[in-house]
N, C-alpha and C. Protein backbone atom coordinates (compact mmCIF):
# COMPACT_ATOMS: atom_id res chain seq x y z
N MET A 1 -67.19 -4.88 14.91
CA MET A 1 -65.96 -5.56 15.24
C MET A 1 -65.67 -5.41 16.72
N ASN A 2 -64.98 -6.34 17.19
CA ASN A 2 -64.64 -6.38 18.60
C ASN A 2 -63.41 -5.49 18.82
N PRO A 3 -63.48 -4.51 19.73
CA PRO A 3 -62.35 -3.62 19.97
C PRO A 3 -61.08 -4.34 20.40
N SER A 4 -61.19 -5.40 21.14
CA SER A 4 -59.98 -6.10 21.59
C SER A 4 -59.29 -6.79 20.42
N ARG A 5 -60.07 -7.20 19.43
CA ARG A 5 -59.50 -7.84 18.25
C ARG A 5 -58.72 -6.81 17.41
N ASN A 6 -59.24 -5.57 17.28
CA ASN A 6 -58.54 -4.51 16.56
C ASN A 6 -57.26 -4.13 17.27
N ASP A 7 -57.31 -4.08 18.59
CA ASP A 7 -56.10 -3.77 19.35
C ASP A 7 -55.02 -4.82 19.11
N HIS A 8 -55.44 -6.06 19.02
CA HIS A 8 -54.50 -7.16 18.77
C HIS A 8 -53.85 -6.99 17.40
N ARG A 9 -54.65 -6.60 16.36
CA ARG A 9 -54.12 -6.41 15.01
C ARG A 9 -53.12 -5.25 14.99
N TYR A 10 -53.47 -4.17 15.69
CA TYR A 10 -52.54 -3.04 15.74
C TYR A 10 -51.25 -3.40 16.47
N GLY A 11 -51.37 -4.19 17.49
CA GLY A 11 -50.19 -4.63 18.24
C GLY A 11 -49.28 -5.48 17.39
N VAL A 12 -49.87 -6.41 16.61
CA VAL A 12 -49.08 -7.27 15.72
C VAL A 12 -48.44 -6.43 14.62
N ALA A 13 -49.21 -5.50 14.04
CA ALA A 13 -48.68 -4.65 12.98
C ALA A 13 -47.56 -3.76 13.51
N SER A 14 -47.75 -3.25 14.70
CA SER A 14 -46.73 -2.41 15.31
C SER A 14 -45.46 -3.22 15.59
N LEU A 15 -45.61 -4.41 16.10
CA LEU A 15 -44.48 -5.29 16.37
C LEU A 15 -43.76 -5.65 15.07
N LEU A 16 -44.53 -5.99 14.04
CA LEU A 16 -43.95 -6.34 12.75
C LEU A 16 -43.19 -5.15 12.16
N PHE A 17 -43.78 -3.96 12.24
CA PHE A 17 -43.12 -2.75 11.76
C PHE A 17 -41.82 -2.51 12.53
N SER A 18 -41.84 -2.69 13.82
CA SER A 18 -40.64 -2.48 14.64
C SER A 18 -39.54 -3.47 14.27
N VAL A 19 -39.90 -4.73 14.11
CA VAL A 19 -38.92 -5.76 13.75
C VAL A 19 -38.31 -5.46 12.38
N LEU A 20 -39.17 -5.10 11.42
CA LEU A 20 -38.67 -4.78 10.07
C LEU A 20 -37.79 -3.53 10.09
N SER A 21 -38.14 -2.54 10.89
CA SER A 21 -37.33 -1.33 11.00
C SER A 21 -35.96 -1.64 11.57
N VAL A 22 -35.90 -2.44 12.61
CA VAL A 22 -34.61 -2.82 13.21
C VAL A 22 -33.78 -3.63 12.22
N ALA A 23 -34.44 -4.55 11.49
CA ALA A 23 -33.73 -5.36 10.51
C ALA A 23 -33.16 -4.48 9.39
N LEU A 24 -33.94 -3.52 8.92
CA LEU A 24 -33.47 -2.60 7.89
C LEU A 24 -32.30 -1.76 8.40
N PHE A 25 -32.42 -1.27 9.61
CA PHE A 25 -31.34 -0.48 10.21
C PHE A 25 -30.05 -1.30 10.32
N LEU A 26 -30.16 -2.52 10.80
CA LEU A 26 -28.98 -3.38 10.93
C LEU A 26 -28.37 -3.71 9.56
N TRP A 27 -29.21 -3.89 8.55
CA TRP A 27 -28.73 -4.17 7.20
C TRP A 27 -27.94 -2.98 6.67
N VAL A 28 -28.46 -1.76 6.84
CA VAL A 28 -27.77 -0.56 6.38
C VAL A 28 -26.45 -0.39 7.12
N VAL A 29 -26.45 -0.61 8.42
CA VAL A 29 -25.22 -0.49 9.21
C VAL A 29 -24.19 -1.51 8.75
N SER A 30 -24.63 -2.74 8.46
CA SER A 30 -23.68 -3.76 8.01
C SER A 30 -23.08 -3.40 6.65
N ILE A 31 -23.86 -2.81 5.77
CA ILE A 31 -23.34 -2.38 4.47
C ILE A 31 -22.32 -1.27 4.66
N LEU A 32 -22.61 -0.31 5.52
CA LEU A 32 -21.67 0.78 5.78
C LEU A 32 -20.37 0.28 6.40
N LEU A 33 -20.49 -0.62 7.36
CA LEU A 33 -19.28 -1.18 8.00
C LEU A 33 -18.46 -2.00 7.01
N ASP A 34 -19.13 -2.74 6.14
CA ASP A 34 -18.44 -3.53 5.14
C ASP A 34 -17.66 -2.63 4.18
N GLY A 35 -18.29 -1.55 3.73
CA GLY A 35 -17.61 -0.59 2.86
C GLY A 35 -16.43 0.06 3.55
N TRP A 36 -16.60 0.41 4.79
CA TRP A 36 -15.51 1.03 5.56
C TRP A 36 -14.34 0.06 5.70
N ALA A 37 -14.67 -1.21 6.02
CA ALA A 37 -13.62 -2.21 6.20
C ALA A 37 -12.87 -2.46 4.89
N LEU A 38 -13.58 -2.51 3.77
CA LEU A 38 -12.93 -2.72 2.48
C LEU A 38 -11.99 -1.57 2.13
N ARG A 39 -12.42 -0.34 2.39
CA ARG A 39 -11.56 0.81 2.13
C ARG A 39 -10.32 0.77 3.02
N LEU A 40 -10.51 0.40 4.27
CA LEU A 40 -9.38 0.33 5.20
C LEU A 40 -8.38 -0.74 4.77
N MET A 41 -8.88 -1.90 4.36
CA MET A 41 -7.99 -2.97 3.90
C MET A 41 -7.27 -2.58 2.62
N ALA A 42 -7.96 -1.90 1.70
CA ALA A 42 -7.33 -1.48 0.46
C ALA A 42 -6.22 -0.48 0.75
N ARG A 43 -6.46 0.44 1.67
CA ARG A 43 -5.44 1.43 2.01
C ARG A 43 -4.23 0.75 2.66
N GLU A 44 -4.50 -0.18 3.56
CA GLU A 44 -3.40 -0.88 4.23
C GLU A 44 -2.57 -1.68 3.23
N THR A 45 -3.24 -2.35 2.30
CA THR A 45 -2.53 -3.11 1.27
C THR A 45 -1.68 -2.18 0.42
N HIS A 46 -2.24 -1.04 0.04
CA HIS A 46 -1.49 -0.06 -0.75
C HIS A 46 -0.26 0.42 0.01
N LEU A 47 -0.42 0.73 1.28
CA LEU A 47 0.71 1.21 2.07
C LEU A 47 1.80 0.15 2.19
N LYS A 48 1.40 -1.10 2.37
CA LYS A 48 2.39 -2.17 2.47
C LYS A 48 3.14 -2.34 1.16
N GLN A 49 2.43 -2.27 0.04
CA GLN A 49 3.08 -2.42 -1.25
C GLN A 49 4.01 -1.25 -1.53
N VAL A 50 3.57 -0.04 -1.25
CA VAL A 50 4.40 1.14 -1.50
C VAL A 50 5.63 1.13 -0.61
N ASP A 51 5.47 0.76 0.67
CA ASP A 51 6.61 0.71 1.58
C ASP A 51 7.65 -0.30 1.09
N VAL A 52 7.20 -1.45 0.61
CA VAL A 52 8.14 -2.47 0.13
C VAL A 52 8.88 -1.95 -1.10
N ILE A 53 8.16 -1.33 -2.01
CA ILE A 53 8.79 -0.81 -3.22
C ILE A 53 9.77 0.29 -2.88
N GLU A 54 9.40 1.20 -2.00
CA GLU A 54 10.30 2.29 -1.63
C GLU A 54 11.56 1.76 -0.95
N THR A 55 11.42 0.75 -0.11
CA THR A 55 12.57 0.16 0.55
C THR A 55 13.50 -0.48 -0.47
N GLU A 56 12.94 -1.24 -1.39
CA GLU A 56 13.75 -1.89 -2.43
C GLU A 56 14.40 -0.84 -3.33
N LEU A 57 13.67 0.20 -3.66
CA LEU A 57 14.21 1.27 -4.51
C LEU A 57 15.36 1.99 -3.82
N ALA A 58 15.21 2.27 -2.54
CA ALA A 58 16.27 2.94 -1.79
C ALA A 58 17.53 2.06 -1.74
N SER A 59 17.35 0.78 -1.53
CA SER A 59 18.48 -0.15 -1.49
C SER A 59 19.18 -0.20 -2.85
N CYS A 60 18.40 -0.26 -3.91
CA CYS A 60 18.97 -0.30 -5.26
C CYS A 60 19.72 0.98 -5.57
N ARG A 61 19.15 2.13 -5.22
CA ARG A 61 19.81 3.41 -5.47
C ARG A 61 21.11 3.53 -4.68
N GLU A 62 21.09 3.05 -3.44
CA GLU A 62 22.29 3.10 -2.61
C GLU A 62 23.40 2.25 -3.23
N GLU A 63 23.04 1.07 -3.71
CA GLU A 63 24.03 0.20 -4.35
C GLU A 63 24.59 0.85 -5.62
N GLN A 64 23.72 1.43 -6.44
CA GLN A 64 24.17 2.08 -7.67
C GLN A 64 25.04 3.30 -7.37
N GLN A 65 24.66 4.06 -6.38
CA GLN A 65 25.45 5.24 -6.01
C GLN A 65 26.83 4.82 -5.53
N GLY A 66 26.90 3.74 -4.77
CA GLY A 66 28.19 3.23 -4.32
C GLY A 66 29.08 2.82 -5.48
N ARG A 67 28.48 2.25 -6.51
CA ARG A 67 29.26 1.87 -7.69
C ARG A 67 29.75 3.09 -8.47
N LEU A 68 28.96 4.16 -8.45
CA LEU A 68 29.35 5.35 -9.21
C LEU A 68 30.47 6.14 -8.53
N VAL A 69 30.48 6.16 -7.21
CA VAL A 69 31.43 7.03 -6.51
C VAL A 69 32.52 6.27 -5.77
N GLY A 70 32.46 4.97 -5.76
CA GLY A 70 33.43 4.21 -4.96
C GLY A 70 34.42 3.43 -5.80
N TYR A 71 35.45 2.96 -5.14
CA TYR A 71 36.47 2.11 -5.75
C TYR A 71 36.18 0.67 -5.35
N GLU A 72 36.42 -0.26 -6.27
CA GLU A 72 36.17 -1.67 -5.96
C GLU A 72 37.01 -2.53 -6.91
N TRP A 73 37.56 -3.61 -6.36
CA TRP A 73 38.29 -4.55 -7.20
C TRP A 73 37.31 -5.34 -8.06
N ILE A 74 37.60 -5.41 -9.35
CA ILE A 74 36.83 -6.27 -10.24
C ILE A 74 37.57 -7.59 -10.41
N ASP A 75 38.90 -7.49 -10.68
CA ASP A 75 39.74 -8.68 -10.82
C ASP A 75 41.15 -8.31 -10.36
N ARG A 76 41.55 -8.82 -9.20
CA ARG A 76 42.87 -8.48 -8.64
C ARG A 76 44.00 -9.03 -9.49
N GLU A 77 43.83 -10.20 -10.08
CA GLU A 77 44.90 -10.81 -10.89
C GLU A 77 45.21 -9.97 -12.12
N GLN A 78 44.20 -9.40 -12.71
CA GLN A 78 44.42 -8.57 -13.90
C GLN A 78 44.51 -7.09 -13.54
N ALA A 79 44.49 -6.79 -12.27
CA ALA A 79 44.59 -5.41 -11.76
C ALA A 79 43.50 -4.51 -12.36
N ARG A 80 42.29 -5.05 -12.40
CA ARG A 80 41.15 -4.27 -12.89
C ARG A 80 40.34 -3.78 -11.69
N ILE A 81 40.03 -2.49 -11.67
CA ILE A 81 39.25 -1.91 -10.58
C ILE A 81 38.09 -1.11 -11.15
N ARG A 82 37.13 -0.91 -10.30
CA ARG A 82 36.03 0.00 -10.62
C ARG A 82 36.35 1.29 -9.89
N LEU A 83 36.30 2.42 -10.61
CA LEU A 83 36.60 3.70 -9.99
C LEU A 83 35.47 4.68 -10.29
N PRO A 84 35.41 5.77 -9.53
CA PRO A 84 34.34 6.75 -9.74
C PRO A 84 34.35 7.26 -11.18
N ILE A 85 33.17 7.50 -11.70
CA ILE A 85 33.03 7.89 -13.09
C ILE A 85 33.76 9.20 -13.40
N GLU A 86 33.76 10.13 -12.46
CA GLU A 86 34.46 11.40 -12.68
C GLU A 86 35.96 11.16 -12.84
N ARG A 87 36.51 10.29 -12.01
CA ARG A 87 37.94 9.98 -12.09
C ARG A 87 38.24 9.28 -13.42
N ALA A 88 37.35 8.40 -13.86
CA ALA A 88 37.54 7.70 -15.13
C ALA A 88 37.55 8.70 -16.29
N MET A 89 36.68 9.69 -16.24
CA MET A 89 36.65 10.71 -17.30
C MET A 89 37.94 11.53 -17.28
N GLU A 90 38.45 11.83 -16.10
CA GLU A 90 39.72 12.56 -16.00
C GLU A 90 40.86 11.77 -16.63
N LEU A 91 40.90 10.47 -16.33
CA LEU A 91 41.97 9.61 -16.89
C LEU A 91 41.87 9.52 -18.41
N VAL A 92 40.66 9.43 -18.93
CA VAL A 92 40.47 9.38 -20.38
C VAL A 92 40.92 10.70 -21.00
N ALA A 93 40.54 11.81 -20.37
CA ALA A 93 40.93 13.12 -20.90
C ALA A 93 42.45 13.30 -20.87
N GLU A 94 43.12 12.82 -19.81
CA GLU A 94 44.57 12.90 -19.71
C GLU A 94 45.22 12.05 -20.81
N GLY A 95 44.65 10.89 -21.07
CA GLY A 95 45.20 10.01 -22.10
C GLY A 95 45.06 10.59 -23.48
N GLU A 96 44.00 11.30 -23.74
CA GLU A 96 43.82 11.90 -25.07
C GLU A 96 44.70 13.13 -25.25
N SER A 97 45.04 13.81 -24.18
CA SER A 97 45.86 15.02 -24.30
C SER A 97 47.35 14.68 -24.50
N ARG A 98 47.76 13.47 -24.31
CA ARG A 98 49.17 13.09 -24.44
C ARG A 98 49.54 12.90 -25.86
C-alpha cells in the first residue's frame, strides 16, 4: 500500500472522529441546558402562582378580620349594624341574665 494513501485515510478518520466528538459534546450540552431551563421556568411559575395565592389570601384574611373586630352599618334605615363578635356575645349574655 502507498503510505500517502494510508495517511489520507487516517486524516479523514481523525477528522470524522473530531466532528462526531464535537457534535456529541454539543448534543449533551444542549440537553443539560434544556433541563436547566425547564427547571428554572417551573420554579418561576411556581413562585408566581404561590405569590398570587398568598396575596389573595392575605387580602381575604384582612377583610375577614375587619368584619370580626370592626363596626359597620348593614342597614341604616333599620338601624342594623355589624359589631365585633366579642361585643355581640356580651350583649347576648346581658340579655339572658335579665
